[in-house]
N, C-alpha and C. Protein backbone atom coordinates (compact mmCIF):
# COMPACT_ATOMS: atom_id res chain seq x y z
N MET A 1 -42.12 92.09 28.89
CA MET A 1 -43.19 92.46 29.38
C MET A 1 -43.40 93.75 29.59
N VAL A 2 -44.32 94.48 29.04
CA VAL A 2 -44.68 96.06 29.50
C VAL A 2 -45.69 96.00 30.17
N THR A 3 -45.57 97.04 31.18
CA THR A 3 -46.48 97.06 32.09
C THR A 3 -46.82 98.61 32.08
N SER A 4 -47.83 99.02 32.83
CA SER A 4 -48.16 100.38 32.91
C SER A 4 -48.20 101.22 34.09
N LEU A 5 -47.51 102.24 34.26
CA LEU A 5 -47.36 102.82 35.29
C LEU A 5 -48.39 104.14 35.27
N GLU A 6 -48.95 104.74 36.31
CA GLU A 6 -49.83 105.63 35.87
C GLU A 6 -49.53 106.98 37.18
N TRP A 7 -49.56 108.29 36.53
CA TRP A 7 -49.09 109.16 37.29
C TRP A 7 -50.24 110.40 37.26
N ARG A 8 -50.67 110.86 38.12
CA ARG A 8 -51.81 112.09 38.22
C ARG A 8 -50.61 113.34 38.60
N GLY A 9 -51.04 114.24 38.09
CA GLY A 9 -50.44 115.43 38.37
C GLY A 9 -51.20 116.23 39.23
N ALA A 10 -50.47 116.57 40.23
CA ALA A 10 -51.27 117.09 41.46
C ALA A 10 -51.55 118.62 40.96
N PRO A 11 -52.91 118.94 41.20
CA PRO A 11 -53.53 120.30 40.76
C PRO A 11 -52.53 121.47 41.31
N GLU A 12 -52.29 121.11 42.86
CA GLU A 12 -51.67 122.25 43.79
C GLU A 12 -50.21 122.48 43.02
N ALA A 13 -49.54 121.41 42.45
CA ALA A 13 -48.15 121.40 42.22
C ALA A 13 -47.84 122.46 41.08
N GLU A 14 -47.03 123.40 41.64
CA GLU A 14 -46.50 124.41 40.60
C GLU A 14 -44.92 124.48 40.46
N THR A 15 -44.38 123.71 39.84
CA THR A 15 -42.99 123.68 39.70
C THR A 15 -42.32 124.08 38.36
N GLY A 16 -43.29 124.27 37.45
CA GLY A 16 -42.54 125.32 36.18
C GLY A 16 -42.38 124.23 35.25
N ASN A 17 -42.33 122.76 35.28
CA ASN A 17 -41.97 121.70 34.30
C ASN A 17 -43.21 121.45 33.56
N ALA A 18 -43.11 120.64 32.33
CA ALA A 18 -44.25 120.67 31.66
C ALA A 18 -45.26 119.48 32.15
N LEU A 19 -44.84 118.59 33.01
CA LEU A 19 -45.84 117.83 33.85
C LEU A 19 -46.96 118.64 34.58
N SER A 20 -46.31 119.53 35.51
CA SER A 20 -47.15 120.62 36.36
C SER A 20 -48.05 121.47 35.37
N ARG A 21 -47.40 121.70 34.43
CA ARG A 21 -48.36 122.96 33.76
C ARG A 21 -49.46 122.29 33.14
N GLN A 22 -49.48 121.00 33.15
CA GLN A 22 -50.77 120.31 32.46
C GLN A 22 -51.63 119.53 33.83
N ARG A 23 -52.09 120.54 34.20
CA ARG A 23 -52.60 119.98 35.91
C ARG A 23 -53.95 119.05 35.54
N GLY A 24 -53.79 118.15 36.45
CA GLY A 24 -54.94 117.09 36.29
C GLY A 24 -54.90 115.87 34.99
N THR A 25 -53.98 116.20 34.29
CA THR A 25 -53.69 115.19 33.34
C THR A 25 -52.91 114.06 33.87
N VAL A 26 -53.60 112.50 33.18
CA VAL A 26 -53.05 111.43 33.50
C VAL A 26 -51.97 111.23 32.19
N PHE A 27 -50.79 110.92 33.23
CA PHE A 27 -49.65 110.50 32.23
C PHE A 27 -49.36 109.17 32.63
N ARG A 28 -49.03 108.24 31.26
CA ARG A 28 -48.76 106.93 31.37
C ARG A 28 -47.49 106.83 30.90
N MET A 29 -46.55 106.00 31.92
CA MET A 29 -45.27 105.41 31.49
C MET A 29 -45.20 104.06 31.31
N SER A 30 -44.64 103.60 30.37
CA SER A 30 -44.36 102.06 30.12
C SER A 30 -43.18 101.67 30.89
N ALA A 31 -43.04 100.64 31.61
CA ALA A 31 -41.91 99.94 31.87
C ALA A 31 -41.63 98.75 31.11
N LEU A 32 -40.33 98.50 30.69
CA LEU A 32 -39.70 97.35 30.17
C LEU A 32 -39.18 96.39 31.23
N THR A 33 -39.11 94.98 30.88
CA THR A 33 -38.58 93.88 31.56
C THR A 33 -37.79 93.23 31.01
N PHE A 34 -36.48 93.08 31.44
CA PHE A 34 -35.50 92.45 30.61
C PHE A 34 -34.95 91.24 31.65
N ASN A 35 -34.27 89.94 31.19
CA ASN A 35 -34.06 89.44 32.03
C ASN A 35 -32.57 89.42 32.08
N ALA A 36 -31.85 89.44 33.41
CA ALA A 36 -30.45 89.66 33.68
C ALA A 36 -29.85 88.44 34.17
N VAL A 37 -28.77 87.91 33.74
CA VAL A 37 -28.27 86.52 33.83
C VAL A 37 -26.94 87.16 35.03
N TYR A 38 -26.99 86.67 36.19
CA TYR A 38 -25.61 86.97 36.95
C TYR A 38 -24.71 85.44 36.98
N GLU A 39 -23.55 85.89 36.80
CA GLU A 39 -22.26 84.91 37.01
C GLU A 39 -21.22 85.33 38.00
N ASP A 40 -20.74 84.20 38.24
CA ASP A 40 -19.62 84.28 39.23
C ASP A 40 -18.58 84.59 38.39
N ALA A 41 -17.64 85.66 38.35
CA ALA A 41 -16.63 86.17 37.42
C ALA A 41 -15.30 85.79 38.36
N GLY A 42 -15.17 85.22 39.46
CA GLY A 42 -14.00 85.19 40.30
C GLY A 42 -13.64 86.43 40.91
N ASP A 43 -12.72 86.09 41.83
CA ASP A 43 -12.40 87.13 42.94
C ASP A 43 -13.27 87.85 43.34
N GLY A 44 -14.47 87.11 43.47
CA GLY A 44 -15.59 87.77 44.34
C GLY A 44 -16.63 89.01 43.28
N TRP A 45 -16.11 89.01 42.05
CA TRP A 45 -16.56 89.83 40.97
C TRP A 45 -17.97 89.07 40.52
N VAL A 46 -19.14 89.77 39.90
CA VAL A 46 -20.17 89.05 39.45
C VAL A 46 -20.57 90.06 38.01
N TYR A 47 -20.28 88.75 37.09
CA TYR A 47 -20.38 89.35 35.47
C TYR A 47 -21.97 89.10 35.37
N ALA A 48 -22.56 90.02 34.81
CA ALA A 48 -24.40 90.25 34.14
C ALA A 48 -24.20 90.29 32.91
N HIS A 49 -25.11 89.85 31.98
CA HIS A 49 -25.50 90.21 30.81
C HIS A 49 -27.12 90.19 30.58
N VAL A 50 -27.72 90.41 29.35
CA VAL A 50 -28.98 90.57 29.22
C VAL A 50 -29.23 89.93 27.81
N PRO A 51 -29.97 88.72 27.87
CA PRO A 51 -29.93 87.86 26.52
C PRO A 51 -30.87 89.08 25.45
N GLU A 52 -31.89 89.59 25.89
CA GLU A 52 -32.46 90.53 24.76
C GLU A 52 -31.57 91.43 24.44
N LEU A 53 -30.72 92.03 25.24
CA LEU A 53 -29.89 93.05 24.58
C LEU A 53 -28.49 92.70 24.63
N PRO A 54 -27.59 92.41 23.53
CA PRO A 54 -26.60 91.55 23.49
C PRO A 54 -25.76 92.55 23.81
N GLU A 55 -25.97 93.68 23.89
CA GLU A 55 -24.64 95.03 23.83
C GLU A 55 -24.41 94.97 25.56
N VAL A 56 -25.43 94.51 26.55
CA VAL A 56 -25.23 94.82 27.88
C VAL A 56 -24.69 93.63 28.22
N HIS A 57 -23.25 93.82 28.78
CA HIS A 57 -22.27 93.05 29.22
C HIS A 57 -21.60 94.02 30.39
N THR A 58 -21.82 93.54 31.53
CA THR A 58 -21.24 94.56 32.65
C THR A 58 -20.79 93.58 33.96
N GLN A 59 -20.36 94.30 34.88
CA GLN A 59 -20.05 93.27 36.16
C GLN A 59 -19.84 94.09 37.64
N GLY A 60 -20.03 93.68 38.44
CA GLY A 60 -19.72 94.52 39.80
C GLY A 60 -18.79 93.72 40.87
N GLU A 61 -18.63 94.38 41.88
CA GLU A 61 -17.60 93.84 42.98
C GLU A 61 -18.63 92.77 44.00
N SER A 62 -19.92 93.06 43.80
CA SER A 62 -20.72 91.99 44.55
C SER A 62 -22.02 92.03 43.76
N LEU A 63 -22.82 91.18 44.18
CA LEU A 63 -24.23 90.81 43.16
C LEU A 63 -24.69 92.14 43.20
N GLN A 64 -24.87 92.95 44.15
CA GLN A 64 -25.66 94.40 44.37
C GLN A 64 -25.03 95.21 43.34
N ASP A 65 -23.86 95.56 43.09
CA ASP A 65 -23.43 96.32 42.27
C ASP A 65 -23.61 95.82 41.00
N ALA A 66 -23.48 94.52 40.57
CA ALA A 66 -23.62 94.22 39.05
C ALA A 66 -25.26 94.70 38.71
N ARG A 67 -26.25 94.33 39.73
CA ARG A 67 -27.71 94.45 39.57
C ARG A 67 -27.55 96.34 39.33
N GLU A 68 -26.81 97.19 39.91
CA GLU A 68 -26.88 98.53 39.62
C GLU A 68 -26.18 98.81 38.49
N MET A 69 -25.31 98.06 38.19
CA MET A 69 -24.36 98.24 36.93
C MET A 69 -25.18 97.84 35.50
N VAL A 70 -26.16 96.66 35.77
CA VAL A 70 -26.77 96.06 34.63
C VAL A 70 -27.89 97.01 34.48
N ARG A 71 -28.71 97.77 35.45
CA ARG A 71 -29.76 98.79 35.12
C ARG A 71 -29.13 99.97 34.50
N ASP A 72 -27.90 100.20 34.85
CA ASP A 72 -27.57 101.54 34.22
C ASP A 72 -27.14 101.08 32.44
N ALA A 73 -26.45 100.05 32.54
CA ALA A 73 -26.25 99.73 31.18
C ALA A 73 -27.64 99.27 30.34
N ILE A 74 -28.32 98.91 30.66
CA ILE A 74 -29.76 98.79 30.19
C ILE A 74 -30.35 100.07 29.58
N THR A 75 -30.46 100.96 30.52
CA THR A 75 -30.77 102.38 30.13
C THR A 75 -29.74 103.07 29.21
N LEU A 76 -28.75 102.98 29.28
CA LEU A 76 -28.07 103.60 28.06
C LEU A 76 -28.22 102.65 26.82
N VAL A 77 -28.10 101.74 26.71
CA VAL A 77 -28.36 100.88 25.46
C VAL A 77 -29.90 101.38 25.07
N LEU A 78 -30.76 101.18 25.82
CA LEU A 78 -31.99 101.75 25.16
C LEU A 78 -32.20 103.19 24.68
N GLU A 79 -31.41 103.92 25.69
CA GLU A 79 -31.10 105.46 25.02
C GLU A 79 -30.48 105.27 23.81
N GLU A 80 -29.68 104.62 23.49
CA GLU A 80 -28.92 104.57 22.19
C GLU A 80 -29.55 103.78 21.07
N ARG A 81 -30.29 102.91 21.19
CA ARG A 81 -31.07 102.30 20.31
C ARG A 81 -32.48 103.28 19.98
N ARG A 82 -32.71 104.14 20.76
CA ARG A 82 -33.77 105.01 20.51
C ARG A 82 -33.35 106.11 19.81
N GLY A 83 -32.18 106.61 19.97
CA GLY A 83 -31.51 107.56 19.22
C GLY A 83 -31.18 107.27 17.83
N ARG A 84 -31.17 106.03 17.51
CA ARG A 84 -30.65 105.28 16.38
C ARG A 84 -31.90 104.86 15.75
N GLY A 85 -33.06 104.96 16.50
CA GLY A 85 -34.23 104.77 15.61
C GLY A 85 -34.47 103.14 15.76
N GLU A 86 -33.81 102.66 16.35
CA GLU A 86 -33.77 101.01 16.29
C GLU A 86 -34.83 100.31 17.19
N ALA A 87 -35.44 99.28 16.99
CA ALA A 87 -36.63 98.65 17.69
C ALA A 87 -35.97 98.45 19.22
N ILE A 88 -36.80 98.26 20.19
CA ILE A 88 -36.64 97.74 21.69
C ILE A 88 -37.41 96.44 21.67
N PRO A 89 -36.49 95.53 21.91
CA PRO A 89 -37.06 94.01 21.78
C PRO A 89 -38.02 93.99 22.86
N ASP A 90 -38.82 92.87 22.64
CA ASP A 90 -39.79 92.36 23.44
C ASP A 90 -39.13 91.49 24.82
N THR A 91 -39.50 91.13 25.88
CA THR A 91 -38.78 90.44 26.92
C THR A 91 -39.01 89.06 26.42
N GLY A 92 -37.80 88.53 26.21
CA GLY A 92 -37.61 87.05 26.06
C GLY A 92 -37.62 86.38 27.39
N TRP A 93 -37.16 85.00 27.09
CA TRP A 93 -37.00 84.30 28.52
C TRP A 93 -35.89 83.87 28.41
N ALA A 94 -35.57 83.63 29.73
CA ALA A 94 -34.02 83.01 30.13
C ALA A 94 -33.95 81.86 31.07
N LEU A 95 -33.46 80.89 31.03
CA LEU A 95 -33.44 79.83 31.91
C LEU A 95 -31.84 79.34 32.24
N VAL A 96 -31.84 79.27 33.43
CA VAL A 96 -30.35 78.73 33.86
C VAL A 96 -30.70 77.66 34.59
N GLU A 97 -30.00 76.18 34.24
CA GLU A 97 -30.15 75.14 35.05
C GLU A 97 -29.02 74.35 35.00
N ALA A 98 -28.91 73.76 36.23
CA ALA A 98 -27.70 72.96 36.21
C ALA A 98 -27.91 71.43 35.45
N VAL A 99 -26.78 71.01 34.78
CA VAL A 99 -26.71 70.02 34.06
C VAL A 99 -25.77 68.79 34.56
N GLU A 100 -26.10 67.82 34.94
CA GLU A 100 -25.13 66.99 35.88
C GLU A 100 -24.59 65.74 34.70
N ILE A 101 -23.55 65.77 34.56
CA ILE A 101 -22.62 64.60 33.77
C ILE A 101 -21.62 63.79 34.73
N ALA A 102 -21.81 62.70 34.46
CA ALA A 102 -20.80 61.76 35.12
C ALA A 102 -19.57 61.98 34.88
N ALA A 103 -18.53 62.29 35.84
CA ALA A 103 -17.37 62.12 35.77
C ALA A 103 -16.55 61.34 35.28
C-alpha cells in the first residue's frame, strides 16, 4: 500500500537546505508498507523477515529490537534496490495461522 504524506515548507524557515529555499511549495513523499513476520528464535530472540523483500532477514533480543532491526533492514534493501535500478515490489499479503493436527 502506498500512502501520501504532505509537507508544506514554512515561509519563515530559512535553514539553507533545498526544501526551505522553495518556500510555500508542497512536497509529497510516498510511504511504502510491507509485511513483517516475527517468530520466536529461542533464548528470548525474535527472528523477523519480510515476504515482499526476500533479502530482509534479521533478529533482535526482543520484539521491539526486532521491529527496529526490520525497519533498518527494509530501508537498506530499498536503497540498494533503487541504486541498482530495481523495482520496489507492491505490498503483498501475509497470513499466520495455527493449524491443529491430531497427535
